[in-house]
Amino acid sequence: MKEVCVLRIGHRPERDQRVTTHVGLTARALGAKGMYLASDDKGIKRSIDDVAQRWGGNFFVEDNISWKKCIREWKDEGGTVVHLTMYGLRLTDVEESIREKEKILVVVGAEKVPGDMYELADYNVSVTTQPHSEISSLALFMDHLFEGKTLNLDFSEPEIKIIPCEHGKRFES
């Protein structure tokens, strides 16, 4: 399977905890290996680590990283950088080209993204050309990237596992 990680930039600890946590949870649920957080927020790391522990898998979170260094190192290791922005090329026009890549870093911004991000990215990708949530952009991007195959992932060593059922709630623990 492809190596996909998410880089969250522009996170403001005083106001973005919930959204950034959901970015990480979405990335994990849809097949990413981990998330780099360009901010010092141990609460985000703890929260996502707790979910990964209880629900299984090997998702990692690294916080307090330099986003430019992260991108530079990713590219030095042969990876591709995809920046999700409503100003980029349409996802439907570039998804096949991106799908050919084996190592992808998906950049998801919070506040206004620095202008040089647009130059550093290999792809600036628009999920739509309309304002909407970075969480929905990431979810749609991941779904298109993996062609829907990650919607039914099984995670290793879960403490809790949902059992799909037509009515009610079933799980193993």
N, C-alpha and C. Protein backbone atom coordinates (compact mmCIF):
# COMPACT_ATOMS: atom_id res chain seq x y z
N MET A 1 0.83 -1.19 0.00
CA MET A 1 0.00 0.00 0.00
C MET A 1 0.88 1.25 0.00
N LYS A 2 0.39 2.31 -0.59
CA LYS A 2 1.12 3.57 -0.65
C LYS A 2 1.45 4.09 0.74
N GLU A 3 2.53 4.84 0.83
CA GLU A 3 2.85 5.54 2.07
C GLU A 3 2.28 6.95 1.96
N VAL A 4 1.26 7.23 2.74
CA VAL A 4 0.63 8.55 2.74
C VAL A 4 0.66 9.09 4.16
N CYS A 5 1.14 10.31 4.29
CA CYS A 5 1.11 11.00 5.57
C CYS A 5 0.50 12.39 5.34
N VAL A 6 0.04 12.99 6.42
CA VAL A 6 -0.56 14.31 6.35
C VAL A 6 0.31 15.28 7.13
N LEU A 7 0.49 16.47 6.57
CA LEU A 7 1.17 17.56 7.25
C LEU A 7 0.14 18.65 7.51
N ARG A 8 -0.11 18.94 8.77
CA ARG A 8 -1.07 19.98 9.16
C ARG A 8 -0.30 21.24 9.48
N ILE A 9 -0.54 22.30 8.70
CA ILE A 9 0.14 23.57 8.94
C ILE A 9 -0.89 24.63 9.35
N GLY A 10 -0.41 25.64 10.05
CA GLY A 10 -1.28 26.75 10.44
C GLY A 10 -2.17 26.46 11.63
N HIS A 11 -1.95 25.35 12.32
CA HIS A 11 -2.77 24.99 13.49
C HIS A 11 -2.57 26.02 14.60
N ARG A 12 -3.67 26.54 15.11
CA ARG A 12 -3.65 27.49 16.21
C ARG A 12 -4.18 26.77 17.45
N PRO A 13 -3.32 26.44 18.40
CA PRO A 13 -3.74 25.66 19.56
C PRO A 13 -4.94 26.24 20.31
N GLU A 14 -5.07 27.54 20.33
CA GLU A 14 -6.17 28.16 21.07
C GLU A 14 -7.52 28.01 20.39
N ARG A 15 -7.56 27.62 19.10
CA ARG A 15 -8.86 27.53 18.45
C ARG A 15 -9.05 26.37 17.48
N ASP A 16 -8.00 25.62 17.14
CA ASP A 16 -8.11 24.60 16.09
C ASP A 16 -8.04 23.16 16.58
N GLN A 17 -8.10 22.91 17.89
CA GLN A 17 -7.90 21.56 18.40
C GLN A 17 -8.88 20.56 17.79
N ARG A 18 -10.14 20.89 17.78
CA ARG A 18 -11.15 19.95 17.29
C ARG A 18 -10.96 19.63 15.81
N VAL A 19 -10.77 20.67 15.00
CA VAL A 19 -10.62 20.45 13.56
C VAL A 19 -9.33 19.68 13.27
N THR A 20 -8.24 20.04 13.91
CA THR A 20 -6.98 19.34 13.67
C THR A 20 -7.06 17.89 14.13
N THR A 21 -7.73 17.64 15.24
CA THR A 21 -7.94 16.26 15.68
C THR A 21 -8.72 15.50 14.62
N HIS A 22 -9.74 16.11 14.06
CA HIS A 22 -10.54 15.45 13.03
C HIS A 22 -9.76 15.24 11.73
N VAL A 23 -8.84 16.15 11.42
CA VAL A 23 -7.95 15.93 10.27
C VAL A 23 -7.15 14.65 10.50
N GLY A 24 -6.57 14.50 11.69
CA GLY A 24 -5.79 13.31 12.01
C GLY A 24 -6.64 12.04 12.01
N LEU A 25 -7.83 12.11 12.59
CA LEU A 25 -8.70 10.93 12.62
C LEU A 25 -9.15 10.53 11.22
N THR A 26 -9.44 11.50 10.38
CA THR A 26 -9.82 11.22 9.00
C THR A 26 -8.67 10.59 8.25
N ALA A 27 -7.48 11.15 8.41
CA ALA A 27 -6.29 10.59 7.75
C ALA A 27 -6.10 9.13 8.16
N ARG A 28 -6.18 8.86 9.45
CA ARG A 28 -6.00 7.50 9.97
C ARG A 28 -7.06 6.56 9.42
N ALA A 29 -8.32 6.95 9.51
CA ALA A 29 -9.42 6.08 9.10
C ALA A 29 -9.37 5.75 7.61
N LEU A 30 -8.79 6.64 6.82
CA LEU A 30 -8.80 6.43 5.37
C LEU A 30 -7.46 6.02 4.80
N GLY A 31 -6.55 5.53 5.65
CA GLY A 31 -5.36 4.86 5.15
C GLY A 31 -4.03 5.56 5.26
N ALA A 32 -3.98 6.75 5.86
CA ALA A 32 -2.68 7.41 6.04
C ALA A 32 -1.90 6.69 7.15
N LYS A 33 -0.59 6.82 7.08
CA LYS A 33 0.29 6.20 8.08
C LYS A 33 0.50 7.09 9.29
N GLY A 34 0.37 8.42 9.11
CA GLY A 34 0.61 9.31 10.22
C GLY A 34 0.37 10.76 9.86
N MET A 35 0.55 11.62 10.88
CA MET A 35 0.35 13.05 10.70
C MET A 35 1.49 13.80 11.37
N TYR A 36 2.01 14.78 10.64
CA TYR A 36 2.98 15.73 11.16
C TYR A 36 2.23 17.01 11.47
N LEU A 37 2.45 17.55 12.65
CA LEU A 37 1.76 18.76 13.08
C LEU A 37 2.79 19.87 13.26
N ALA A 38 2.65 20.92 12.46
CA ALA A 38 3.59 22.05 12.51
C ALA A 38 3.17 23.02 13.61
N SER A 39 3.02 22.49 14.80
CA SER A 39 2.65 23.27 15.97
C SER A 39 2.96 22.42 17.20
N ASP A 40 3.13 23.09 18.32
CA ASP A 40 3.37 22.37 19.56
C ASP A 40 2.04 22.21 20.28
N ASP A 41 1.43 21.03 20.11
CA ASP A 41 0.14 20.78 20.74
C ASP A 41 0.08 19.32 21.17
N LYS A 42 0.57 19.05 22.36
CA LYS A 42 0.62 17.68 22.89
C LYS A 42 -0.77 17.08 23.07
N GLY A 43 -1.79 17.94 23.29
CA GLY A 43 -3.15 17.44 23.45
C GLY A 43 -3.67 16.75 22.19
N ILE A 44 -3.35 17.31 21.02
CA ILE A 44 -3.74 16.69 19.75
C ILE A 44 -3.07 15.33 19.63
N LYS A 45 -1.79 15.29 19.89
CA LYS A 45 -1.04 14.04 19.80
C LYS A 45 -1.62 12.99 20.74
N ARG A 46 -1.87 13.38 22.00
CA ARG A 46 -2.44 12.44 22.98
C ARG A 46 -3.79 11.91 22.53
N SER A 47 -4.63 12.79 22.05
CA SER A 47 -5.98 12.41 21.64
C SER A 47 -5.97 11.40 20.48
N ILE A 48 -5.17 11.68 19.47
CA ILE A 48 -5.12 10.78 18.31
C ILE A 48 -4.40 9.48 18.66
N ASP A 49 -3.34 9.56 19.45
CA ASP A 49 -2.65 8.35 19.91
C ASP A 49 -3.61 7.44 20.68
N ASP A 50 -4.47 8.05 21.50
CA ASP A 50 -5.45 7.28 22.27
C ASP A 50 -6.41 6.54 21.34
N VAL A 51 -6.89 7.22 20.32
CA VAL A 51 -7.80 6.57 19.36
C VAL A 51 -7.09 5.43 18.66
N ALA A 52 -5.86 5.66 18.20
CA ALA A 52 -5.11 4.61 17.50
C ALA A 52 -4.87 3.41 18.43
N GLN A 53 -4.60 3.66 19.69
CA GLN A 53 -4.39 2.58 20.65
C GLN A 53 -5.66 1.74 20.80
N ARG A 54 -6.79 2.40 21.01
CA ARG A 54 -8.05 1.68 21.26
C ARG A 54 -8.64 1.05 20.00
N TRP A 55 -8.49 1.71 18.86
CA TRP A 55 -9.15 1.24 17.64
C TRP A 55 -8.21 0.50 16.70
N GLY A 56 -6.93 0.42 17.05
CA GLY A 56 -5.98 -0.39 16.28
C GLY A 56 -5.20 0.38 15.24
N GLY A 57 -4.23 -0.32 14.69
CA GLY A 57 -3.39 0.26 13.65
C GLY A 57 -2.13 0.87 14.20
N ASN A 58 -1.33 1.43 13.29
CA ASN A 58 -0.03 1.97 13.65
C ASN A 58 0.11 3.44 13.28
N PHE A 59 -0.92 4.22 13.42
CA PHE A 59 -0.89 5.63 13.04
C PHE A 59 -0.03 6.42 14.03
N PHE A 60 0.82 7.30 13.50
CA PHE A 60 1.66 8.12 14.38
C PHE A 60 1.31 9.60 14.23
N VAL A 61 1.62 10.36 15.26
CA VAL A 61 1.51 11.82 15.24
C VAL A 61 2.82 12.38 15.76
N GLU A 62 3.44 13.26 14.99
CA GLU A 62 4.61 14.01 15.44
C GLU A 62 4.22 15.47 15.47
N ASP A 63 4.38 16.11 16.62
CA ASP A 63 4.04 17.53 16.71
C ASP A 63 5.30 18.36 16.83
N ASN A 64 5.12 19.67 16.75
CA ASN A 64 6.21 20.62 16.89
C ASN A 64 7.29 20.45 15.82
N ILE A 65 6.87 20.19 14.59
CA ILE A 65 7.83 20.02 13.50
C ILE A 65 7.87 21.29 12.66
N SER A 66 8.95 21.48 11.95
CA SER A 66 9.09 22.58 10.99
C SER A 66 8.47 22.11 9.67
N TRP A 67 7.44 22.80 9.20
CA TRP A 67 6.75 22.33 7.99
C TRP A 67 7.66 22.38 6.76
N LYS A 68 8.53 23.38 6.66
CA LYS A 68 9.44 23.45 5.50
C LYS A 68 10.46 22.31 5.54
N LYS A 69 10.97 22.03 6.73
CA LYS A 69 11.93 20.93 6.87
C LYS A 69 11.25 19.60 6.55
N CYS A 70 10.02 19.42 7.01
CA CYS A 70 9.26 18.20 6.75
C CYS A 70 9.10 17.99 5.25
N ILE A 71 8.73 19.04 4.55
CA ILE A 71 8.56 18.96 3.09
C ILE A 71 9.89 18.65 2.41
N ARG A 72 10.93 19.35 2.81
CA ARG A 72 12.26 19.15 2.21
C ARG A 72 12.72 17.71 2.40
N GLU A 73 12.59 17.19 3.63
CA GLU A 73 13.01 15.81 3.89
C GLU A 73 12.14 14.81 3.13
N TRP A 74 10.85 15.08 3.04
CA TRP A 74 9.95 14.19 2.30
C TRP A 74 10.39 14.10 0.84
N LYS A 75 10.68 15.25 0.24
CA LYS A 75 11.10 15.28 -1.16
C LYS A 75 12.48 14.63 -1.32
N ASP A 76 13.39 14.86 -0.36
CA ASP A 76 14.72 14.25 -0.42
C ASP A 76 14.65 12.73 -0.42
N GLU A 77 13.57 12.19 0.20
CA GLU A 77 13.37 10.74 0.24
C GLU A 77 12.55 10.23 -0.93
N GLY A 78 12.37 11.08 -1.95
CA GLY A 78 11.66 10.67 -3.16
C GLY A 78 10.15 10.81 -3.09
N GLY A 79 9.65 11.49 -2.09
CA GLY A 79 8.21 11.64 -1.93
C GLY A 79 7.64 12.79 -2.74
N THR A 80 6.34 12.77 -2.88
CA THR A 80 5.57 13.78 -3.59
C THR A 80 4.75 14.57 -2.58
N VAL A 81 4.66 15.88 -2.78
CA VAL A 81 3.92 16.75 -1.88
C VAL A 81 2.67 17.26 -2.59
N VAL A 82 1.51 16.99 -1.98
CA VAL A 82 0.21 17.42 -2.50
C VAL A 82 -0.39 18.39 -1.50
N HIS A 83 -0.62 19.61 -1.95
CA HIS A 83 -1.21 20.66 -1.10
C HIS A 83 -2.68 20.78 -1.47
N LEU A 84 -3.57 20.56 -0.50
CA LEU A 84 -5.00 20.70 -0.75
C LEU A 84 -5.41 22.16 -0.57
N THR A 85 -5.93 22.76 -1.63
CA THR A 85 -6.32 24.16 -1.64
C THR A 85 -7.40 24.36 -2.68
N MET A 86 -8.33 25.25 -2.43
CA MET A 86 -9.37 25.48 -3.43
C MET A 86 -8.83 26.20 -4.66
N TYR A 87 -7.59 26.67 -4.61
CA TYR A 87 -7.00 27.39 -5.73
C TYR A 87 -6.21 26.49 -6.68
N GLY A 88 -6.11 25.21 -6.38
CA GLY A 88 -5.29 24.31 -7.18
C GLY A 88 -6.01 23.74 -8.39
N LEU A 89 -5.33 22.79 -9.02
CA LEU A 89 -5.92 22.06 -10.14
C LEU A 89 -7.01 21.14 -9.60
N ARG A 90 -8.01 20.90 -10.39
CA ARG A 90 -9.11 20.04 -9.97
C ARG A 90 -8.61 18.61 -9.68
N LEU A 91 -9.06 18.06 -8.57
CA LEU A 91 -8.70 16.70 -8.19
C LEU A 91 -8.96 15.72 -9.32
N THR A 92 -10.10 15.85 -9.97
CA THR A 92 -10.46 14.91 -11.03
C THR A 92 -9.52 15.00 -12.23
N ASP A 93 -8.80 16.11 -12.37
CA ASP A 93 -7.86 16.26 -13.49
C ASP A 93 -6.47 15.71 -13.18
N VAL A 94 -6.12 15.56 -11.89
CA VAL A 94 -4.76 15.14 -11.53
C VAL A 94 -4.70 13.85 -10.71
N GLU A 95 -5.84 13.30 -10.34
CA GLU A 95 -5.82 12.15 -9.42
C GLU A 95 -5.08 10.95 -10.01
N GLU A 96 -5.20 10.69 -11.29
CA GLU A 96 -4.50 9.54 -11.88
C GLU A 96 -3.00 9.72 -11.80
N SER A 97 -2.52 10.92 -12.08
CA SER A 97 -1.08 11.20 -12.00
C SER A 97 -0.58 11.04 -10.56
N ILE A 98 -1.34 11.55 -9.60
CA ILE A 98 -0.95 11.43 -8.19
C ILE A 98 -1.01 9.97 -7.75
N ARG A 99 -2.00 9.24 -8.20
CA ARG A 99 -2.17 7.84 -7.81
C ARG A 99 -0.94 6.99 -8.19
N GLU A 100 -0.19 7.41 -9.19
CA GLU A 100 1.02 6.68 -9.61
C GLU A 100 2.15 6.81 -8.60
N LYS A 101 2.09 7.79 -7.73
CA LYS A 101 3.14 8.04 -6.74
C LYS A 101 3.02 7.06 -5.59
N GLU A 102 4.14 6.65 -5.03
CA GLU A 102 4.15 5.67 -3.94
C GLU A 102 4.27 6.31 -2.56
N LYS A 103 4.79 7.53 -2.51
CA LYS A 103 5.03 8.19 -1.21
C LYS A 103 4.48 9.61 -1.32
N ILE A 104 3.38 9.87 -0.59
CA ILE A 104 2.66 11.13 -0.74
C ILE A 104 2.49 11.81 0.62
N LEU A 105 2.87 13.08 0.66
CA LEU A 105 2.63 13.93 1.82
C LEU A 105 1.51 14.89 1.45
N VAL A 106 0.40 14.81 2.16
CA VAL A 106 -0.76 15.67 1.89
C VAL A 106 -0.72 16.83 2.88
N VAL A 107 -0.63 18.04 2.35
CA VAL A 107 -0.57 19.23 3.19
C VAL A 107 -1.97 19.81 3.33
N VAL A 108 -2.38 19.98 4.59
CA VAL A 108 -3.70 20.52 4.91
C VAL A 108 -3.49 21.74 5.79
N GLY A 109 -3.94 22.89 5.31
CA GLY A 109 -3.76 24.14 6.03
C GLY A 109 -4.90 24.42 6.98
N ALA A 110 -4.66 25.35 7.90
CA ALA A 110 -5.69 25.82 8.82
C ALA A 110 -5.93 27.29 8.51
N GLU A 111 -5.13 28.16 9.12
CA GLU A 111 -5.25 29.59 8.80
C GLU A 111 -4.65 29.83 7.42
N LYS A 112 -4.51 31.06 7.03
CA LYS A 112 -3.97 31.40 5.72
C LYS A 112 -2.62 30.70 5.51
N VAL A 113 -2.53 29.98 4.41
CA VAL A 113 -1.33 29.20 4.09
C VAL A 113 -0.26 30.15 3.54
N PRO A 114 0.99 30.00 3.98
CA PRO A 114 2.07 30.85 3.44
C PRO A 114 2.19 30.69 1.93
N GLY A 115 2.45 31.79 1.24
CA GLY A 115 2.54 31.78 -0.22
C GLY A 115 3.54 30.81 -0.78
N ASP A 116 4.66 30.59 -0.08
CA ASP A 116 5.68 29.68 -0.63
C ASP A 116 5.23 28.22 -0.61
N MET A 117 4.15 27.91 0.12
CA MET A 117 3.62 26.54 0.09
C MET A 117 3.21 26.15 -1.33
N TYR A 118 2.65 27.10 -2.05
CA TYR A 118 2.19 26.84 -3.42
C TYR A 118 3.35 26.50 -4.35
N GLU A 119 4.52 27.03 -4.06
CA GLU A 119 5.71 26.73 -4.88
C GLU A 119 6.39 25.44 -4.43
N LEU A 120 6.34 25.14 -3.16
CA LEU A 120 6.99 23.94 -2.64
C LEU A 120 6.24 22.65 -3.00
N ALA A 121 4.94 22.76 -3.17
CA ALA A 121 4.13 21.57 -3.47
C ALA A 121 4.39 21.09 -4.90
N ASP A 122 4.38 19.78 -5.06
CA ASP A 122 4.44 19.20 -6.41
C ASP A 122 3.09 19.35 -7.10
N TYR A 123 2.03 19.27 -6.30
CA TYR A 123 0.66 19.43 -6.79
C TYR A 123 -0.10 20.33 -5.83
N ASN A 124 -0.75 21.35 -6.35
CA ASN A 124 -1.74 22.12 -5.60
C ASN A 124 -3.08 21.63 -6.13
N VAL A 125 -3.86 21.00 -5.25
CA VAL A 125 -5.06 20.28 -5.67
C VAL A 125 -6.30 20.87 -5.03
N SER A 126 -7.30 21.11 -5.87
CA SER A 126 -8.58 21.61 -5.41
C SER A 126 -9.60 20.48 -5.45
N VAL A 127 -10.18 20.18 -4.29
CA VAL A 127 -11.24 19.17 -4.25
C VAL A 127 -12.52 19.79 -4.81
N THR A 128 -12.75 21.03 -4.56
CA THR A 128 -13.74 21.84 -5.27
C THR A 128 -13.13 23.23 -5.39
N THR A 129 -13.71 24.07 -6.17
CA THR A 129 -13.23 25.45 -6.24
C THR A 129 -14.10 26.36 -5.39
N GLN A 130 -14.64 25.78 -4.32
CA GLN A 130 -15.49 26.51 -3.40
C GLN A 130 -14.96 26.36 -1.98
N PRO A 131 -15.20 27.33 -1.12
CA PRO A 131 -14.78 27.18 0.27
C PRO A 131 -15.54 26.02 0.94
N HIS A 132 -14.81 25.20 1.65
CA HIS A 132 -15.40 24.16 2.49
C HIS A 132 -14.36 23.66 3.45
N SER A 133 -14.65 22.64 4.19
CA SER A 133 -13.81 22.15 5.27
C SER A 133 -12.56 21.42 4.78
N GLU A 134 -11.46 21.65 5.48
CA GLU A 134 -10.25 20.88 5.19
C GLU A 134 -10.44 19.40 5.51
N ILE A 135 -11.33 19.10 6.43
CA ILE A 135 -11.62 17.71 6.76
C ILE A 135 -12.29 17.02 5.57
N SER A 136 -13.26 17.68 4.98
CA SER A 136 -13.93 17.08 3.82
C SER A 136 -12.99 17.00 2.63
N SER A 137 -12.13 17.99 2.45
CA SER A 137 -11.14 17.93 1.36
C SER A 137 -10.23 16.72 1.52
N LEU A 138 -9.74 16.52 2.73
CA LEU A 138 -8.86 15.39 2.99
C LEU A 138 -9.59 14.07 2.76
N ALA A 139 -10.82 13.96 3.26
CA ALA A 139 -11.57 12.72 3.10
C ALA A 139 -11.81 12.40 1.63
N LEU A 140 -12.22 13.38 0.87
CA LEU A 140 -12.47 13.14 -0.55
C LEU A 140 -11.18 12.83 -1.29
N PHE A 141 -10.10 13.55 -0.97
CA PHE A 141 -8.82 13.28 -1.61
C PHE A 141 -8.38 11.84 -1.33
N MET A 142 -8.43 11.42 -0.07
CA MET A 142 -8.00 10.07 0.30
C MET A 142 -8.86 9.02 -0.39
N ASP A 143 -10.16 9.24 -0.45
CA ASP A 143 -11.06 8.30 -1.10
C ASP A 143 -10.73 8.17 -2.59
N HIS A 144 -10.51 9.29 -3.25
CA HIS A 144 -10.14 9.24 -4.67
C HIS A 144 -8.78 8.60 -4.87
N LEU A 145 -7.82 8.95 -4.01
CA LEU A 145 -6.47 8.39 -4.13
C LEU A 145 -6.49 6.87 -4.06
N PHE A 146 -7.23 6.34 -3.09
CA PHE A 146 -7.28 4.89 -2.88
C PHE A 146 -8.46 4.22 -3.58
N GLU A 147 -9.16 5.00 -4.40
CA GLU A 147 -10.29 4.47 -5.19
C GLU A 147 -11.31 3.72 -4.34
N GLY A 148 -11.59 4.26 -3.17
CA GLY A 148 -12.61 3.69 -2.29
C GLY A 148 -12.17 2.46 -1.52
N LYS A 149 -10.94 1.98 -1.75
CA LYS A 149 -10.49 0.72 -1.14
C LYS A 149 -10.21 0.83 0.35
N THR A 150 -10.07 2.05 0.88
CA THR A 150 -9.77 2.18 2.31
C THR A 150 -11.03 2.38 3.15
N LEU A 151 -12.19 2.34 2.53
CA LEU A 151 -13.42 2.51 3.29
C LEU A 151 -13.71 1.33 4.21
N ASN A 152 -13.10 0.18 3.94
CA ASN A 152 -13.34 -1.01 4.74
C ASN A 152 -12.05 -1.59 5.32
N LEU A 153 -11.16 -0.72 5.74
CA LEU A 153 -9.89 -1.18 6.31
C LEU A 153 -10.10 -1.96 7.60
N ASP A 154 -9.28 -2.96 7.81
CA ASP A 154 -9.20 -3.65 9.09
C ASP A 154 -7.92 -3.19 9.76
N PHE A 155 -8.02 -2.72 11.00
CA PHE A 155 -6.87 -2.22 11.72
C PHE A 155 -6.34 -3.29 12.66
N SER A 156 -5.01 -3.40 12.73
CA SER A 156 -4.38 -4.44 13.53
C SER A 156 -4.55 -4.19 15.02
N GLU A 157 -4.78 -5.25 15.75
CA GLU A 157 -4.83 -5.27 17.21
C GLU A 157 -5.74 -4.21 17.84
N PRO A 158 -6.98 -4.12 17.40
CA PRO A 158 -7.88 -3.14 18.03
C PRO A 158 -8.38 -3.64 19.38
N GLU A 159 -8.59 -2.71 20.31
CA GLU A 159 -9.26 -3.03 21.57
C GLU A 159 -10.77 -3.00 21.36
N ILE A 160 -11.20 -2.19 20.39
CA ILE A 160 -12.62 -2.05 20.06
C ILE A 160 -12.77 -2.26 18.56
N LYS A 161 -13.77 -3.04 18.16
CA LYS A 161 -14.01 -3.25 16.74
C LYS A 161 -15.52 -3.23 16.49
N ILE A 162 -15.94 -2.40 15.56
CA ILE A 162 -17.35 -2.30 15.18
C ILE A 162 -17.73 -3.50 14.32
N ILE A 163 -18.87 -4.08 14.60
CA ILE A 163 -19.42 -5.16 13.78
C ILE A 163 -20.58 -4.55 12.99
N PRO A 164 -20.44 -4.40 11.67
CA PRO A 164 -21.52 -3.80 10.89
C PRO A 164 -22.82 -4.59 11.05
N CYS A 165 -23.90 -3.86 11.23
CA CYS A 165 -25.21 -4.50 11.37
C CYS A 165 -26.28 -3.54 10.85
N GLU A 166 -27.40 -4.12 10.45
CA GLU A 166 -28.47 -3.32 9.85
C GLU A 166 -29.17 -2.42 10.87
N HIS A 167 -29.32 -2.91 12.10
CA HIS A 167 -29.99 -2.13 13.15
C HIS A 167 -29.20 -2.24 14.45
N GLY A 168 -29.19 -1.19 15.22
CA GLY A 168 -28.52 -1.23 16.51
C GLY A 168 -27.02 -0.98 16.40
N LYS A 169 -26.34 -1.29 17.49
CA LYS A 169 -24.91 -1.10 17.58
C LYS A 169 -24.28 -2.39 18.07
N ARG A 170 -23.32 -2.91 17.32
CA ARG A 170 -22.60 -4.10 17.74
C ARG A 170 -21.10 -3.83 17.67
N PHE A 171 -20.39 -4.32 18.69
CA PHE A 171 -18.93 -4.17 18.68
C PHE A 171 -18.33 -5.27 19.53
N GLU A 172 -17.03 -5.49 19.29
CA GLU A 172 -16.25 -6.42 20.10
C GLU A 172 -15.26 -5.59 20.88
N SER A 173 -14.99 -6.04 22.11
CA SER A 173 -13.92 -5.34 22.88
C SER A 173 -13.20 -6.36 23.73
